[in-house]
Protein backbone atom coordinates (compact mmCIF):
# COMPACT_ATOMS: atom_id res chain seq x y z
CA MET A 1 120.13 117.58 119.84
CA GLU A 2 117.54 120.31 119.32
CA LEU A 3 116.73 119.30 116.03
CA PHE A 4 115.99 115.62 117.43
CA ASP A 5 114.33 116.82 120.45
CA LEU A 6 111.16 115.15 121.61
CA SER A 7 110.72 116.02 125.16
CA GLY A 8 107.47 117.01 125.99
CA LYS A 9 105.96 114.93 122.83
CA THR A 10 103.65 111.80 123.40
CA ALA A 11 103.88 109.08 121.28
CA ILE A 12 101.63 105.75 120.59
CA VAL A 13 103.84 103.12 119.00
CA THR A 14 101.44 99.93 118.09
CA GLY A 15 103.25 96.86 117.90
CA SER A 16 105.76 97.61 119.99
CA SER A 17 106.23 94.91 122.52
CA ARG A 18 109.32 93.62 120.34
CA GLY A 19 111.17 93.83 117.11
CA ILE A 20 110.79 97.06 115.27
CA GLY A 21 108.15 98.47 117.13
CA ARG A 22 110.18 98.11 120.85
CA ALA A 23 113.32 99.90 119.19
CA ILE A 24 111.13 102.91 117.90
CA ALA A 25 109.71 103.59 121.35
CA GLU A 26 112.99 103.06 123.21
CA ARG A 27 114.67 105.02 121.06
CA LEU A 28 111.87 107.68 121.09
CA ALA A 29 111.78 107.72 124.77
CA GLU A 30 115.53 108.40 124.66
CA HIS A 31 114.89 111.40 122.50
CA GLY A 32 112.49 112.74 125.43
CA ALA A 33 109.14 111.35 124.62
CA ARG A 34 106.63 109.59 126.28
CA VAL A 35 105.56 106.65 124.39
CA VAL A 36 102.83 104.35 124.84
CA ILE A 37 103.62 100.51 124.51
CA SER A 38 100.98 98.69 122.80
CA SER A 39 100.23 94.99 121.62
CA ARG A 40 97.64 92.46 122.18
CA LYS A 41 99.59 90.89 125.37
CA ALA A 42 99.59 93.10 128.17
CA ALA A 43 102.50 91.10 130.14
CA PRO A 44 104.86 91.83 127.12
CA CYS A 45 103.67 95.67 127.05
CA GLU A 46 104.14 95.94 130.32
CA GLU A 47 108.05 94.64 130.67
CA VAL A 48 108.88 96.98 127.74
CA ALA A 49 106.96 100.04 129.35
CA GLN A 50 108.68 99.26 132.66
CA ALA A 51 112.32 98.93 131.29
CA ILE A 52 111.96 102.15 129.24
CA ASN A 53 110.90 103.88 133.24
CA ALA A 54 113.67 102.29 134.40
CA ARG A 55 116.23 103.53 132.20
CA HIS A 56 114.80 107.00 131.93
CA GLY A 57 112.67 107.39 134.97
CA ASP A 58 108.91 106.70 135.88
CA GLY A 59 106.30 107.87 133.93
CA ARG A 60 108.02 108.27 130.81
CA ALA A 61 106.14 104.88 129.24
CA ILE A 62 102.81 103.35 129.96
CA ALA A 63 101.16 99.78 128.40
CA VAL A 64 97.78 99.70 126.90
CA PRO A 65 97.42 96.52 125.11
CA ALA A 66 95.30 96.84 121.94
CA ASN A 67 94.26 94.55 119.40
CA ILE A 68 94.54 96.42 115.82
CA ALA A 69 91.75 94.25 114.61
CA SER A 70 89.45 96.22 117.01
CA LYS A 71 87.70 99.56 116.32
CA GLU A 72 87.02 99.80 119.98
CA ASP A 73 90.22 98.54 121.29
CA LEU A 74 91.99 101.36 119.22
CA GLN A 75 89.77 103.60 120.52
CA ARG A 76 90.58 102.69 124.03
CA LEU A 77 94.08 102.84 123.54
CA VAL A 78 93.61 106.49 121.99
CA ASP A 79 91.66 107.80 124.99
CA GLU A 80 93.75 106.23 127.73
CA THR A 81 96.76 107.63 126.20
CA ILE A 82 94.99 110.78 126.36
CA ALA A 83 93.98 110.61 129.97
CA ALA A 84 97.57 109.62 131.28
CA PHE A 85 99.25 112.32 129.16
CA GLY A 86 96.94 114.82 127.63
CA GLN A 87 97.42 114.53 123.89
CA ILE A 88 99.16 112.32 121.21
CA ASP A 89 101.66 114.35 119.17
CA ILE A 90 103.21 111.36 117.50
CA LEU A 91 101.25 108.09 115.96
CA VAL A 92 103.53 105.22 114.68
CA CYS A 93 101.52 102.76 112.99
CA ASN A 94 103.75 99.59 113.34
CA ALA A 95 101.61 96.49 114.19
CA ALA A 96 100.89 94.05 111.26
CA SER A 97 99.92 90.56 110.56
CA ASN A 98 100.97 88.15 107.56
CA PRO A 99 99.10 84.81 108.39
CA TYR A 100 99.96 83.60 105.04
CA ALA A 101 102.99 82.58 102.95
CA GLY A 102 102.75 81.39 99.40
CA PRO A 103 101.24 82.01 95.81
CA MET A 104 98.19 84.24 95.94
CA ALA A 105 95.93 81.57 94.45
CA GLY A 106 96.07 79.63 97.65
CA ILE A 107 95.14 82.36 99.71
CA SER A 108 91.91 82.04 101.81
CA ASP A 109 89.47 85.46 101.55
CA GLU A 110 89.72 85.14 105.21
CA GLN A 111 93.27 85.50 105.54
CA PHE A 112 93.48 88.39 102.83
CA GLU A 113 90.80 90.13 104.89
CA LYS A 114 92.92 90.01 107.83
CA ILE A 115 96.14 91.17 106.20
CA LEU A 116 93.94 94.21 104.69
CA ARG A 117 92.44 95.05 107.62
CA ASN A 118 95.07 94.48 110.32
CA ASN A 119 97.56 96.36 107.94
CA VAL A 120 95.56 98.75 106.02
CA LEU A 121 91.95 99.63 107.79
CA ALA A 122 93.53 99.73 111.25
CA ASN A 123 96.03 102.38 110.39
CA HIS A 124 93.23 104.47 108.50
CA TRP A 125 91.41 104.10 111.91
CA LEU A 126 94.08 105.02 114.25
CA VAL A 127 94.95 108.07 112.02
CA GLN A 128 90.97 109.29 112.08
CA MET A 129 91.07 108.62 115.80
CA VAL A 130 94.15 110.94 116.35
CA ALA A 131 94.64 113.39 113.71
CA PRO A 132 91.64 115.74 114.10
CA ALA A 133 93.34 117.26 117.55
CA MET A 134 96.48 117.18 115.80
CA VAL A 135 94.65 119.20 112.64
CA GLU A 136 93.41 121.79 115.66
CA ARG A 137 96.68 122.44 117.20
CA ARG A 138 98.25 122.56 113.92
CA ASP A 139 101.21 120.41 114.99
CA GLY A 140 101.67 116.27 114.80
CA ALA A 141 103.61 113.65 113.06
CA ILE A 142 102.28 110.17 111.85
CA LEU A 143 104.36 107.41 110.57
CA VAL A 144 103.30 104.39 109.09
CA ILE A 145 105.92 101.08 108.81
CA SER A 146 105.35 99.99 105.59
CA SER A 147 107.98 97.66 103.86
CA ILE A 148 109.88 97.27 100.74
CA GLY A 149 107.53 94.37 99.69
CA GLY A 150 105.46 97.17 98.90
CA LEU A 151 107.89 98.64 96.49
CA ARG A 152 108.27 95.15 94.58
CA GLY A 153 106.59 91.67 93.63
CA ASN A 154 107.22 88.56 95.15
CA ALA A 155 105.94 84.88 94.68
CA LEU A 156 105.78 84.50 98.55
CA ILE A 157 104.12 87.34 100.52
CA GLY A 158 102.23 88.69 97.82
CA ALA A 159 99.35 89.49 99.82
CA TYR A 160 101.31 91.25 102.31
CA ASN A 161 103.02 93.63 99.86
CA VAL A 162 99.74 94.27 98.35
CA SER A 163 99.05 95.82 102.12
CA LYS A 164 102.25 97.36 102.20
CA ALA A 165 101.66 98.98 98.80
CA ALA A 166 98.35 100.52 100.18
CA ASP A 167 100.01 101.82 103.10
CA MET A 168 102.50 103.96 100.96
CA GLN A 169 99.68 105.48 99.19
CA LEU A 170 97.40 106.18 102.69
CA VAL A 171 100.66 107.88 103.69
CA ARG A 172 100.69 110.36 100.26
CA ASN A 173 96.86 110.80 100.83
CA LEU A 174 96.92 111.86 104.15
CA ALA A 175 99.67 114.00 103.66
CA VAL A 176 98.14 115.98 101.02
CA GLU A 177 94.89 116.30 103.09
CA PHE A 178 97.09 117.19 106.72
CA GLY A 179 99.95 119.14 105.48
CA PRO A 180 97.72 122.45 105.41
CA SER A 181 97.21 121.79 108.97
CA ASN A 182 101.04 121.22 109.59
CA VAL A 183 100.59 117.72 110.46
CA ARG A 184 103.27 115.44 108.86
CA VAL A 185 102.60 111.95 107.18
CA ASN A 186 105.38 109.61 106.32
CA CYS A 187 106.45 106.07 106.17
CA ILE A 188 109.34 103.90 106.31
CA ALA A 189 109.61 100.80 104.18
CA PRO A 190 112.44 98.32 105.70
CA GLY A 191 113.70 95.60 103.67
CA LEU A 192 114.72 92.50 105.53
CA VAL A 193 115.08 92.85 109.50
CA GLN A 194 115.69 90.35 111.95
CA THR A 195 112.67 90.40 114.19
CA ASP A 196 110.41 87.30 115.39
CA PHE A 197 107.86 88.75 112.41
CA ALA A 198 110.24 87.85 109.49
CA ARG A 199 111.68 84.91 111.60
CA TYR A 200 110.08 82.34 108.61
CA LEU A 201 112.13 84.14 106.21
CA TRP A 202 115.74 84.87 107.48
CA GLU A 203 115.52 81.44 109.32
CA ASN A 204 115.89 80.04 105.57
CA PRO A 205 119.46 79.97 104.06
CA GLU A 206 117.76 79.87 100.43
CA LEU A 207 115.97 83.19 101.26
CA LEU A 208 118.37 85.04 103.29
CA LYS A 209 121.17 84.48 100.36
CA GLN A 210 118.11 85.75 97.99
CA VAL A 211 117.96 88.84 99.65
CA THR A 212 121.65 89.49 101.37
CA ASP A 213 123.83 88.46 98.09
CA PRO A 214 122.52 91.71 95.67
CA ALA A 215 122.35 94.09 98.44
CA PRO A 216 125.13 96.26 98.94
CA LEU A 217 125.62 96.07 102.69
CA LYS A 218 125.49 92.32 102.35
CA ARG A 219 123.69 91.26 105.39
CA ILE A 220 119.96 91.97 106.69
CA GLY A 221 118.99 94.60 108.72
CA GLN A 222 118.24 95.14 112.91
CA PRO A 223 115.34 96.65 114.64
CA ASP A 224 117.26 99.66 115.95
CA GLU A 225 118.30 100.75 112.49
CA ILE A 226 114.52 101.09 111.86
CA ALA A 227 114.38 103.13 114.54
CA GLY A 228 117.00 105.96 114.02
CA ALA A 229 114.82 106.61 110.98
CA ALA A 230 111.87 106.96 113.04
CA VAL A 231 112.80 109.48 115.14
CA PHE A 232 113.96 111.51 112.31
CA LEU A 233 110.57 111.42 110.71
CA CYS A 234 109.16 112.24 114.09
CA SER A 235 111.42 115.13 114.94
CA LYS A 236 111.78 118.55 113.87
CA ALA A 237 114.22 117.46 111.65
CA ALA A 238 111.53 116.06 109.62
CA ALA A 239 109.79 119.53 109.98
CA TYR A 240 109.74 119.81 105.89
CA THR A 241 109.37 116.07 105.08
CA THR A 242 106.02 114.90 104.17
CA GLY A 243 104.18 112.19 101.84
CA GLN A 244 107.47 110.39 101.75
CA THR A 245 108.65 106.74 102.14
CA LEU A 246 111.82 106.18 103.44
CA VAL A 247 113.32 103.24 102.08
CA VAL A 248 116.08 101.33 104.92
CA ASP A 249 116.79 98.11 102.92
CA GLY A 250 120.69 98.22 103.16
CA GLY A 251 120.46 99.05 99.26
CA LEU A 252 118.71 96.33 98.48
CA THR A 253 116.27 97.84 96.05
CA ILE A 254 118.64 99.87 94.10
CA ALA A 255 120.87 96.72 93.29
CA TRP A 256 120.53 94.60 90.38
């Protein structure tokens, strides 16, 4: 267990009141980390934090609601985390938005700007707030949750895929910048996962068939199946891994 031991570490996980983010926060806590649960609404965040504390003891999790579209909210998230736990060792940028589905010719400027702001710029902001202290300590792990959409073209979620490709490049650039200071930056690219965020995809029988038929595992993923990869990339087990995008998609991207 030593390779995956996160005891004494503090992790911020955005978008962690449900879905992939919640699963990641729960598994980080299970491996010893103190976790900060954050999404836009306070009540769901408190519910997740209370559940983690009930399982692992009071003080293991706190809730700090924040809107990723607000730079001020993100700075408050960082400040309250430091006030509560002293420092930030792990940053998981999981929260994202996708207000539009359809051909890119039909997307409004406002929708496209929201996607880029929430899915790319917000991650950049958070990293800029958290990384300097990691660099000074010469220790830290940053993880961005992207998507296999960043590796493929798609006529339904093209703008979202543009943002997720940008996240992969953001990770590569940051890994080069922070590597000499022993701060690792990595990315997970999930395939279709059964979350509320992706409900409009997996509840559509035709779309579900398009995803599962060519995939070697013949199914979509579950949030907890992404959480295991996150624990690996945030732990000592991945001490020599940086700048990488780990694809977790049931084999879909390698199949014809």
